[in-house]
Amino acid sequence: MADKQDGISAEDFHDTQAVKVLSDRDVRQFLRKYYYIANDISLDNEYRDLFTEDAVFIMANRKAVGRSALVSLRKKLWEEIPKRDHSPTKIFSLGNDEDDMELMVLGSAEWGYHAGHSKTGDWAAHVKLERDKDNNVLCSYYQIIMVSPYSSLGPTVNKDILKERQEMLTATTRIPLFTRKNE
């Protein structure tokens, strides 16, 4: 039986050099915690603490810089869409060495609206992680790059940025670090 740490076993990863980033237990724990907290409206303080003091968060034409601005934007997003369930499905390393914690995260989500209906869609995020002076993993940059065109989450993504990111993903030969197994 494979050794399972934090609910992720070695079998969850492809055999690749890039796996070193996500094989870091702290990074795995951070990502699991991030998406758990991101899906819970009551955890604003915990959400704030996942970021560096000067972190940048970008979603379409919305940008927040710094922890206070991040929490303010988060509250506005929750006012617009009161229920959400983001599930990362693949995580890719964008770096070439084991210390690089720049990632591309692909996922799916379900959004619940005030009128009672819900929609599902796909998303991608460009994420930069770093360690603080106490060696804790924090997010310094989080950009939602695309959302399914059917999700109606507001303004459309800049088409030039989307095209650039899609080309970057297509051109890369990197193998996913993490792929959620269908249960």
N, C-alpha and C. Protein backbone atom coordinates (compact mmCIF):
# COMPACT_ATOMS: atom_id res chain seq x y z
N MET A 1 0.85 -1.18 0.00
CA MET A 1 0.00 0.00 0.00
C MET A 1 0.89 1.24 0.00
N ALA A 2 0.55 2.22 -0.80
CA ALA A 2 1.35 3.45 -0.92
C ALA A 2 1.22 4.30 0.33
N ASP A 3 2.30 5.00 0.67
CA ASP A 3 2.29 5.92 1.79
C ASP A 3 1.44 7.12 1.42
N LYS A 4 0.44 7.44 2.25
CA LYS A 4 -0.43 8.57 1.98
C LYS A 4 -0.15 9.66 3.00
N GLN A 5 0.26 10.83 2.51
CA GLN A 5 0.44 11.99 3.38
C GLN A 5 -0.58 13.03 2.97
N ASP A 6 -1.29 13.58 3.92
CA ASP A 6 -2.26 14.64 3.66
C ASP A 6 -3.30 14.21 2.63
N GLY A 7 -3.62 12.92 2.56
CA GLY A 7 -4.62 12.46 1.62
C GLY A 7 -4.14 12.36 0.19
N ILE A 8 -2.87 12.60 -0.07
CA ILE A 8 -2.32 12.51 -1.42
C ILE A 8 -1.20 11.49 -1.37
N SER A 9 -1.28 10.49 -2.22
CA SER A 9 -0.24 9.47 -2.24
C SER A 9 0.69 9.69 -3.42
N ALA A 10 1.79 8.99 -3.43
CA ALA A 10 2.74 9.07 -4.54
C ALA A 10 2.06 8.65 -5.83
N GLU A 11 1.05 7.81 -5.76
CA GLU A 11 0.32 7.37 -6.95
C GLU A 11 -0.46 8.50 -7.59
N ASP A 12 -0.72 9.57 -6.85
CA ASP A 12 -1.46 10.71 -7.39
C ASP A 12 -0.60 11.57 -8.31
N PHE A 13 0.68 11.31 -8.38
CA PHE A 13 1.59 12.15 -9.14
C PHE A 13 2.19 11.38 -10.30
N HIS A 14 2.46 12.11 -11.37
CA HIS A 14 3.18 11.53 -12.50
C HIS A 14 4.67 11.57 -12.19
N ASP A 15 5.42 10.69 -12.77
CA ASP A 15 6.86 10.64 -12.56
C ASP A 15 7.52 11.75 -13.37
N THR A 16 7.88 12.83 -12.69
CA THR A 16 8.46 13.99 -13.36
C THR A 16 9.29 14.80 -12.37
N GLN A 17 10.26 15.52 -12.87
CA GLN A 17 11.06 16.41 -12.03
C GLN A 17 10.19 17.48 -11.38
N ALA A 18 9.18 17.95 -12.09
CA ALA A 18 8.35 19.04 -11.60
C ALA A 18 7.56 18.66 -10.35
N VAL A 19 7.45 17.36 -10.07
CA VAL A 19 6.68 16.92 -8.92
C VAL A 19 7.27 17.43 -7.60
N LYS A 20 8.52 17.86 -7.60
CA LYS A 20 9.16 18.30 -6.36
C LYS A 20 8.41 19.44 -5.69
N VAL A 21 7.81 20.33 -6.47
CA VAL A 21 7.08 21.45 -5.87
C VAL A 21 5.89 20.94 -5.09
N LEU A 22 5.09 20.09 -5.69
CA LEU A 22 3.91 19.61 -5.00
C LEU A 22 4.20 18.44 -4.08
N SER A 23 5.38 17.85 -4.18
CA SER A 23 5.73 16.80 -3.24
C SER A 23 6.11 17.41 -1.89
N ASP A 24 6.27 18.73 -1.85
CA ASP A 24 6.52 19.43 -0.60
C ASP A 24 5.23 19.39 0.23
N ARG A 25 5.30 18.77 1.37
CA ARG A 25 4.13 18.60 2.24
C ARG A 25 3.48 19.94 2.57
N ASP A 26 4.27 20.97 2.83
CA ASP A 26 3.73 22.29 3.16
C ASP A 26 2.93 22.88 2.01
N VAL A 27 3.40 22.69 0.78
CA VAL A 27 2.68 23.21 -0.39
C VAL A 27 1.36 22.46 -0.55
N ARG A 28 1.38 21.15 -0.41
CA ARG A 28 0.14 20.37 -0.51
C ARG A 28 -0.86 20.83 0.54
N GLN A 29 -0.40 21.00 1.77
CA GLN A 29 -1.29 21.43 2.84
C GLN A 29 -1.83 22.83 2.56
N PHE A 30 -0.97 23.71 2.07
CA PHE A 30 -1.41 25.07 1.76
C PHE A 30 -2.52 25.05 0.71
N LEU A 31 -2.32 24.32 -0.38
CA LEU A 31 -3.31 24.30 -1.46
C LEU A 31 -4.64 23.71 -0.98
N ARG A 32 -4.57 22.63 -0.23
CA ARG A 32 -5.79 22.03 0.31
C ARG A 32 -6.52 23.04 1.20
N LYS A 33 -5.78 23.70 2.07
CA LYS A 33 -6.35 24.69 2.98
C LYS A 33 -6.91 25.89 2.21
N TYR A 34 -6.17 26.34 1.19
CA TYR A 34 -6.60 27.50 0.41
C TYR A 34 -7.98 27.26 -0.20
N TYR A 35 -8.16 26.14 -0.88
CA TYR A 35 -9.44 25.91 -1.56
C TYR A 35 -10.57 25.59 -0.58
N TYR A 36 -10.26 25.02 0.56
CA TYR A 36 -11.27 24.82 1.59
C TYR A 36 -11.75 26.18 2.11
N ILE A 37 -10.81 27.05 2.44
CA ILE A 37 -11.15 28.37 2.98
C ILE A 37 -11.82 29.24 1.91
N ALA A 38 -11.34 29.16 0.68
CA ALA A 38 -11.92 29.97 -0.40
C ALA A 38 -13.40 29.66 -0.61
N ASN A 39 -13.82 28.46 -0.27
CA ASN A 39 -15.21 28.04 -0.47
C ASN A 39 -16.11 28.31 0.73
N ASP A 40 -15.58 28.93 1.78
CA ASP A 40 -16.36 29.16 3.00
C ASP A 40 -16.45 30.65 3.29
N ILE A 41 -17.66 31.18 3.23
CA ILE A 41 -17.89 32.61 3.41
C ILE A 41 -17.49 33.11 4.80
N SER A 42 -17.49 32.26 5.79
CA SER A 42 -17.24 32.69 7.17
C SER A 42 -15.76 32.79 7.54
N LEU A 43 -14.86 32.49 6.61
CA LEU A 43 -13.44 32.39 6.96
C LEU A 43 -12.60 33.54 6.38
N ASP A 44 -13.08 34.78 6.49
CA ASP A 44 -12.33 35.92 5.95
C ASP A 44 -10.96 36.09 6.60
N ASN A 45 -10.89 35.97 7.92
CA ASN A 45 -9.60 36.14 8.60
C ASN A 45 -8.61 35.06 8.19
N GLU A 46 -9.09 33.83 8.11
CA GLU A 46 -8.22 32.73 7.69
C GLU A 46 -7.77 32.93 6.24
N TYR A 47 -8.68 33.45 5.40
CA TYR A 47 -8.35 33.72 4.00
C TYR A 47 -7.24 34.77 3.93
N ARG A 48 -7.39 35.85 4.66
CA ARG A 48 -6.39 36.92 4.70
C ARG A 48 -5.02 36.37 5.09
N ASP A 49 -4.99 35.47 6.03
CA ASP A 49 -3.73 34.94 6.54
C ASP A 49 -3.03 33.99 5.57
N LEU A 50 -3.68 33.62 4.48
CA LEU A 50 -3.05 32.77 3.46
C LEU A 50 -2.14 33.56 2.53
N PHE A 51 -2.19 34.90 2.61
CA PHE A 51 -1.48 35.75 1.66
C PHE A 51 -0.36 36.54 2.33
N THR A 52 0.61 36.93 1.52
CA THR A 52 1.65 37.84 1.99
C THR A 52 1.03 39.22 2.20
N GLU A 53 1.71 40.09 2.93
CA GLU A 53 1.19 41.44 3.19
C GLU A 53 0.91 42.22 1.92
N ASP A 54 1.73 42.02 0.88
CA ASP A 54 1.61 42.78 -0.37
C ASP A 54 1.08 41.93 -1.52
N ALA A 55 0.37 40.88 -1.21
CA ALA A 55 -0.13 39.95 -2.23
C ALA A 55 -1.02 40.66 -3.25
N VAL A 56 -1.03 40.11 -4.47
CA VAL A 56 -1.85 40.62 -5.56
C VAL A 56 -2.85 39.54 -5.94
N PHE A 57 -4.12 39.94 -6.08
CA PHE A 57 -5.19 39.04 -6.52
C PHE A 57 -5.88 39.71 -7.68
N ILE A 58 -6.00 39.00 -8.81
CA ILE A 58 -6.62 39.56 -10.01
C ILE A 58 -7.68 38.60 -10.51
N MET A 59 -8.86 39.17 -10.80
CA MET A 59 -9.94 38.40 -11.42
C MET A 59 -10.61 39.32 -12.43
N ALA A 60 -10.40 39.02 -13.71
CA ALA A 60 -10.92 39.85 -14.81
C ALA A 60 -10.44 41.29 -14.60
N ASN A 61 -11.35 42.24 -14.47
CA ASN A 61 -10.92 43.63 -14.32
C ASN A 61 -10.85 44.06 -12.85
N ARG A 62 -10.90 43.12 -11.95
CA ARG A 62 -10.81 43.42 -10.51
C ARG A 62 -9.43 43.05 -10.01
N LYS A 63 -8.86 43.97 -9.25
CA LYS A 63 -7.51 43.73 -8.73
C LYS A 63 -7.46 44.21 -7.27
N ALA A 64 -6.87 43.40 -6.43
CA ALA A 64 -6.67 43.76 -5.03
C ALA A 64 -5.19 43.59 -4.71
N VAL A 65 -4.63 44.56 -4.01
CA VAL A 65 -3.24 44.50 -3.58
C VAL A 65 -3.20 44.69 -2.07
N GLY A 66 -2.65 43.71 -1.38
CA GLY A 66 -2.58 43.76 0.07
C GLY A 66 -3.72 42.98 0.72
N ARG A 67 -3.48 42.55 1.94
CA ARG A 67 -4.44 41.69 2.63
C ARG A 67 -5.81 42.34 2.84
N SER A 68 -5.84 43.61 3.24
CA SER A 68 -7.14 44.27 3.48
C SER A 68 -7.95 44.36 2.20
N ALA A 69 -7.29 44.72 1.10
CA ALA A 69 -7.98 44.82 -0.19
C ALA A 69 -8.47 43.45 -0.64
N LEU A 70 -7.70 42.40 -0.36
CA LEU A 70 -8.11 41.04 -0.71
C LEU A 70 -9.40 40.66 0.00
N VAL A 71 -9.47 40.95 1.29
CA VAL A 71 -10.67 40.62 2.05
C VAL A 71 -11.86 41.43 1.56
N SER A 72 -11.65 42.71 1.25
CA SER A 72 -12.75 43.54 0.72
C SER A 72 -13.27 42.97 -0.60
N LEU A 73 -12.38 42.61 -1.49
CA LEU A 73 -12.80 42.03 -2.77
C LEU A 73 -13.52 40.70 -2.54
N ARG A 74 -12.99 39.90 -1.65
CA ARG A 74 -13.63 38.61 -1.34
C ARG A 74 -15.07 38.82 -0.88
N LYS A 75 -15.29 39.80 -0.01
CA LYS A 75 -16.64 40.08 0.49
C LYS A 75 -17.57 40.50 -0.65
N LYS A 76 -17.07 41.32 -1.57
CA LYS A 76 -17.89 41.74 -2.72
C LYS A 76 -18.25 40.54 -3.59
N LEU A 77 -17.28 39.65 -3.80
CA LEU A 77 -17.54 38.46 -4.62
C LEU A 77 -18.59 37.56 -3.96
N TRP A 78 -18.53 37.44 -2.63
CA TRP A 78 -19.51 36.62 -1.92
C TRP A 78 -20.89 37.27 -1.98
N GLU A 79 -20.97 38.60 -1.97
CA GLU A 79 -22.26 39.28 -2.09
C GLU A 79 -22.91 38.96 -3.43
N GLU A 80 -22.09 38.87 -4.47
CA GLU A 80 -22.60 38.60 -5.82
C GLU A 80 -22.98 37.14 -6.01
N ILE A 81 -22.18 36.25 -5.46
CA ILE A 81 -22.40 34.81 -5.63
C ILE A 81 -22.25 34.17 -4.25
N PRO A 82 -23.38 33.92 -3.57
CA PRO A 82 -23.33 33.51 -2.17
C PRO A 82 -22.94 32.06 -1.89
N LYS A 83 -22.82 31.25 -2.92
CA LYS A 83 -22.41 29.85 -2.71
C LYS A 83 -21.42 29.48 -3.81
N ARG A 84 -20.35 28.83 -3.40
CA ARG A 84 -19.34 28.43 -4.39
C ARG A 84 -18.61 27.18 -3.92
N ASP A 85 -18.18 26.41 -4.90
CA ASP A 85 -17.41 25.21 -4.61
C ASP A 85 -16.34 25.07 -5.70
N HIS A 86 -15.14 25.55 -5.40
CA HIS A 86 -14.01 25.46 -6.33
C HIS A 86 -13.25 24.17 -6.06
N SER A 87 -13.00 23.42 -7.11
CA SER A 87 -12.27 22.17 -6.98
C SER A 87 -11.12 22.13 -7.97
N PRO A 88 -9.88 22.25 -7.48
CA PRO A 88 -8.76 22.11 -8.41
C PRO A 88 -8.69 20.69 -8.95
N THR A 89 -8.41 20.55 -10.23
CA THR A 89 -8.32 19.23 -10.84
C THR A 89 -6.91 18.89 -11.29
N LYS A 90 -6.13 19.91 -11.67
CA LYS A 90 -4.74 19.69 -12.08
C LYS A 90 -3.90 20.87 -11.60
N ILE A 91 -2.68 20.57 -11.20
CA ILE A 91 -1.75 21.60 -10.79
C ILE A 91 -0.44 21.36 -11.52
N PHE A 92 0.04 22.40 -12.21
CA PHE A 92 1.27 22.31 -12.98
C PHE A 92 2.32 23.25 -12.37
N SER A 93 3.55 22.83 -12.36
CA SER A 93 4.65 23.72 -11.99
C SER A 93 5.04 24.53 -13.22
N LEU A 94 5.26 25.81 -13.03
CA LEU A 94 5.73 26.65 -14.14
C LEU A 94 7.22 26.89 -14.05
N GLY A 95 7.84 26.40 -13.00
CA GLY A 95 9.27 26.61 -12.81
C GLY A 95 10.09 25.39 -13.20
N ASN A 96 11.38 25.60 -13.27
CA ASN A 96 12.28 24.52 -13.66
C ASN A 96 13.09 23.95 -12.50
N ASP A 97 13.08 24.63 -11.36
CA ASP A 97 13.85 24.07 -10.25
C ASP A 97 12.93 23.79 -9.08
N GLU A 98 13.43 22.99 -8.16
CA GLU A 98 12.59 22.51 -7.06
C GLU A 98 12.16 23.60 -6.09
N ASP A 99 12.85 24.73 -6.07
CA ASP A 99 12.49 25.80 -5.16
C ASP A 99 11.45 26.74 -5.74
N ASP A 100 11.14 26.61 -7.01
CA ASP A 100 10.19 27.50 -7.66
C ASP A 100 8.77 27.07 -7.30
N MET A 101 8.01 27.97 -6.74
CA MET A 101 6.64 27.65 -6.33
C MET A 101 5.64 28.47 -7.15
N GLU A 102 5.91 28.57 -8.45
CA GLU A 102 4.97 29.22 -9.35
C GLU A 102 4.18 28.13 -10.04
N LEU A 103 2.85 28.22 -9.92
CA LEU A 103 1.98 27.13 -10.35
C LEU A 103 0.88 27.62 -11.29
N MET A 104 0.36 26.70 -12.06
CA MET A 104 -0.87 26.90 -12.82
C MET A 104 -1.85 25.87 -12.29
N VAL A 105 -3.01 26.35 -11.87
CA VAL A 105 -4.02 25.48 -11.30
C VAL A 105 -5.23 25.49 -12.23
N LEU A 106 -5.69 24.31 -12.61
CA LEU A 106 -6.90 24.17 -13.40
C LEU A 106 -7.96 23.55 -12.51
N GLY A 107 -9.20 23.99 -12.68
CA GLY A 107 -10.24 23.44 -11.84
C GLY A 107 -11.62 23.62 -12.40
N SER A 108 -12.56 23.12 -11.65
CA SER A 108 -13.97 23.29 -11.98
C SER A 108 -14.64 23.90 -10.76
N ALA A 109 -15.81 24.47 -10.98
CA ALA A 109 -16.52 25.10 -9.86
C ALA A 109 -18.01 25.04 -10.09
N GLU A 110 -18.72 25.13 -8.98
CA GLU A 110 -20.16 25.33 -9.03
C GLU A 110 -20.44 26.61 -8.25
N TRP A 111 -21.21 27.49 -8.87
CA TRP A 111 -21.55 28.76 -8.25
C TRP A 111 -23.06 28.79 -8.01
N GLY A 112 -23.47 29.14 -6.79
CA GLY A 112 -24.89 29.24 -6.45
C GLY A 112 -25.29 30.70 -6.36
N TYR A 113 -26.37 31.06 -7.01
CA TYR A 113 -26.82 32.45 -7.11
C TYR A 113 -27.99 32.73 -6.18
N HIS A 114 -28.24 34.02 -5.91
CA HIS A 114 -29.31 34.44 -5.02
C HIS A 114 -30.68 33.93 -5.47
N ALA A 115 -30.90 33.85 -6.76
CA ALA A 115 -32.19 33.42 -7.29
C ALA A 115 -32.44 31.92 -7.10
N GLY A 116 -31.44 31.21 -6.62
CA GLY A 116 -31.60 29.80 -6.33
C GLY A 116 -31.02 28.86 -7.38
N HIS A 117 -30.64 29.38 -8.51
CA HIS A 117 -30.06 28.52 -9.54
C HIS A 117 -28.54 28.43 -9.34
N SER A 118 -27.95 27.47 -9.99
CA SER A 118 -26.49 27.33 -9.93
C SER A 118 -25.96 27.05 -11.32
N LYS A 119 -24.68 27.32 -11.49
CA LYS A 119 -24.00 27.06 -12.75
C LYS A 119 -22.66 26.42 -12.44
N THR A 120 -22.17 25.67 -13.39
CA THR A 120 -20.84 25.08 -13.25
C THR A 120 -19.96 25.61 -14.37
N GLY A 121 -18.67 25.58 -14.15
CA GLY A 121 -17.74 26.04 -15.16
C GLY A 121 -16.31 25.66 -14.81
N ASP A 122 -15.43 25.97 -15.69
CA ASP A 122 -14.01 25.69 -15.51
C ASP A 122 -13.26 26.98 -15.27
N TRP A 123 -12.14 26.88 -14.56
CA TRP A 123 -11.32 28.05 -14.28
C TRP A 123 -9.86 27.63 -14.28
N ALA A 124 -9.00 28.62 -14.37
CA ALA A 124 -7.56 28.42 -14.26
C ALA A 124 -7.00 29.57 -13.44
N ALA A 125 -5.94 29.31 -12.74
CA ALA A 125 -5.32 30.35 -11.93
C ALA A 125 -3.79 30.25 -12.02
N HIS A 126 -3.17 31.40 -12.12
CA HIS A 126 -1.71 31.52 -12.07
C HIS A 126 -1.40 31.89 -10.62
N VAL A 127 -0.63 31.06 -9.95
CA VAL A 127 -0.39 31.21 -8.51
C VAL A 127 1.11 31.26 -8.23
N LYS A 128 1.50 32.21 -7.38
CA LYS A 128 2.89 32.27 -6.92
C LYS A 128 2.88 32.15 -5.41
N LEU A 129 3.61 31.16 -4.93
CA LEU A 129 3.72 30.93 -3.50
C LEU A 129 5.13 31.29 -3.06
N GLU A 130 5.26 31.60 -1.79
CA GLU A 130 6.60 31.84 -1.22
C GLU A 130 6.55 31.49 0.25
N ARG A 131 7.72 31.41 0.83
CA ARG A 131 7.82 31.11 2.26
C ARG A 131 8.14 32.39 3.02
N ASP A 132 7.49 32.55 4.19
CA ASP A 132 7.79 33.71 5.02
C ASP A 132 9.02 33.41 5.89
N LYS A 133 9.35 34.34 6.76
CA LYS A 133 10.56 34.18 7.59
C LYS A 133 10.48 32.96 8.52
N ASP A 134 9.25 32.51 8.81
CA ASP A 134 9.07 31.33 9.65
C ASP A 134 8.90 30.05 8.84
N ASN A 135 9.14 30.15 7.52
CA ASN A 135 9.09 29.03 6.59
C ASN A 135 7.66 28.56 6.28
N ASN A 136 6.66 29.40 6.57
CA ASN A 136 5.28 29.08 6.22
C ASN A 136 5.04 29.42 4.75
N VAL A 137 4.25 28.61 4.08
CA VAL A 137 3.90 28.87 2.68
C VAL A 137 2.75 29.88 2.65
N LEU A 138 2.94 30.94 1.84
CA LEU A 138 1.92 31.97 1.65
C LEU A 138 1.78 32.26 0.16
N CYS A 139 0.65 32.80 -0.21
CA CYS A 139 0.41 33.17 -1.60
C CYS A 139 0.77 34.64 -1.80
N SER A 140 1.60 34.92 -2.80
CA SER A 140 1.98 36.31 -3.09
C SER A 140 1.28 36.83 -4.35
N TYR A 141 0.73 35.93 -5.16
CA TYR A 141 0.09 36.33 -6.42
C TYR A 141 -0.93 35.27 -6.80
N TYR A 142 -2.14 35.72 -7.13
CA TYR A 142 -3.19 34.80 -7.55
C TYR A 142 -4.01 35.49 -8.63
N GLN A 143 -3.93 34.97 -9.84
CA GLN A 143 -4.68 35.55 -10.95
C GLN A 143 -5.57 34.49 -11.56
N ILE A 144 -6.87 34.75 -11.53
CA ILE A 144 -7.80 33.88 -12.22
C ILE A 144 -7.73 34.26 -13.68
N ILE A 145 -7.32 33.33 -14.50
CA ILE A 145 -7.02 33.62 -15.90
C ILE A 145 -8.22 33.40 -16.79
N MET A 146 -8.98 32.39 -16.53
CA MET A 146 -10.16 32.18 -17.36
C MET A 146 -11.25 31.52 -16.56
N VAL A 147 -12.45 31.83 -16.96
CA VAL A 147 -13.62 31.22 -16.39
C VAL A 147 -14.45 30.77 -17.58
N SER A 148 -15.13 29.66 -17.43
CA SER A 148 -15.96 29.16 -18.51
C SER A 148 -16.87 30.28 -19.01
N PRO A 149 -17.01 30.44 -20.32
CA PRO A 149 -17.83 31.53 -20.84
C PRO A 149 -19.29 31.41 -20.44
N TYR A 150 -19.71 30.29 -19.92
CA TYR A 150 -21.09 30.09 -19.54
C TYR A 150 -21.36 30.37 -18.08
N SER A 151 -20.36 30.80 -17.34
CA SER A 151 -20.54 30.97 -15.90
C SER A 151 -21.16 32.29 -15.52
N SER A 152 -21.16 33.27 -16.40
CA SER A 152 -21.69 34.61 -16.16
C SER A 152 -21.18 35.21 -14.86
N LEU A 153 -19.88 35.19 -14.68
CA LEU A 153 -19.28 35.74 -13.48
C LEU A 153 -18.86 37.19 -13.65
N GLY A 154 -19.43 37.88 -14.58
CA GLY A 154 -19.09 39.29 -14.72
C GLY A 154 -18.33 39.55 -16.00
N PRO A 155 -17.48 40.58 -15.99
CA PRO A 155 -16.79 40.99 -17.21
C PRO A 155 -15.95 39.87 -17.80
N THR A 156 -15.81 39.89 -19.09
CA THR A 156 -15.02 38.85 -19.75
C THR A 156 -13.54 39.10 -19.51
N VAL A 157 -12.78 38.05 -19.61
CA VAL A 157 -11.34 38.12 -19.42
C VAL A 157 -10.73 38.78 -20.65
N ASN A 158 -9.71 39.57 -20.45
CA ASN A 158 -8.98 40.19 -21.55
C ASN A 158 -8.55 39.09 -22.51
N LYS A 159 -8.99 39.18 -23.77
CA LYS A 159 -8.74 38.11 -24.74
C LYS A 159 -7.26 37.93 -25.05
N ASP A 160 -6.47 39.01 -25.00
CA ASP A 160 -5.03 38.87 -25.25
C ASP A 160 -4.36 38.08 -24.14
N ILE A 161 -4.75 38.35 -22.90
CA ILE A 161 -4.18 37.61 -21.77
C ILE A 161 -4.59 36.15 -21.86
N LEU A 162 -5.85 35.90 -22.15
CA LEU A 162 -6.33 34.53 -22.26
C LEU A 162 -5.58 33.78 -23.35
N LYS A 163 -5.41 34.41 -24.51
CA LYS A 163 -4.69 33.77 -25.61
C LYS A 163 -3.25 33.47 -25.22
N GLU A 164 -2.60 34.43 -24.56
CA GLU A 164 -1.21 34.24 -24.12
C GLU A 164 -1.10 33.06 -23.16
N ARG A 165 -2.02 32.97 -22.19
CA ARG A 165 -1.98 31.89 -21.20
C ARG A 165 -2.29 30.54 -21.86
N GLN A 166 -3.25 30.52 -22.78
CA GLN A 166 -3.56 29.28 -23.46
C GLN A 166 -2.37 28.80 -24.29
N GLU A 167 -1.69 29.74 -24.96
CA GLU A 167 -0.51 29.37 -25.74
C GLU A 167 0.59 28.84 -24.82
N MET A 168 0.74 29.47 -23.67
CA MET A 168 1.75 29.03 -22.71
C MET A 168 1.46 27.59 -22.26
N LEU A 169 0.20 27.30 -21.97
CA LEU A 169 -0.16 25.96 -21.54
C LEU A 169 -0.01 24.95 -22.68
N THR A 170 -0.37 25.36 -23.88
CA THR A 170 -0.27 24.47 -25.03
C THR A 170 1.18 24.19 -25.38
N ALA A 171 2.03 25.22 -25.29
CA ALA A 171 3.43 25.08 -25.68
C ALA A 171 4.24 24.27 -24.68
N THR A 172 3.80 24.23 -23.45
CA THR A 172 4.58 23.56 -22.42
C THR A 172 4.48 22.05 -22.56
N THR A 173 5.54 21.39 -22.20
CA THR A 173 5.53 19.93 -22.21
C THR A 173 5.49 19.40 -20.79
N ARG A 174 5.24 20.29 -19.85
CA ARG A 174 5.20 19.88 -18.46
C ARG A 174 4.05 18.89 -18.23
N ILE A 175 4.26 18.02 -17.30
CA ILE A 175 3.27 17.02 -16.94
C ILE A 175 2.59 17.52 -15.66
N PRO A 176 1.30 17.31 -15.53
CA PRO A 176 0.61 17.78 -14.32
C PRO A 176 1.28 17.21 -13.07
N LEU A 177 1.37 18.06 -12.05
CA LEU A 177 1.89 17.61 -10.77
C LEU A 177 0.83 16.82 -10.01
N PHE A 178 -0.40 17.22 -10.16
CA PHE A 178 -1.48 16.63 -9.40
C PHE A 178 -2.68 16.51 -10.31
N THR A 179 -3.29 15.38 -10.33
CA THR A 179 -4.52 15.18 -11.06
C THR A 179 -5.50 14.51 -10.12
N ARG A 180 -6.63 15.14 -9.92
CA ARG A 180 -7.63 14.56 -9.02
C ARG A 180 -8.13 13.26 -9.64
N LYS A 181 -8.17 12.23 -8.86
CA LYS A 181 -8.70 10.95 -9.33
C LYS A 181 -10.21 11.01 -9.22
N ASN A 182 -10.89 10.58 -10.26
CA ASN A 182 -12.35 10.51 -10.21
C ASN A 182 -12.75 9.43 -9.24
N GLU A 183 -13.65 9.77 -8.36
CA GLU A 183 -14.08 8.81 -7.35
C GLU A 183 -15.39 8.19 -7.73
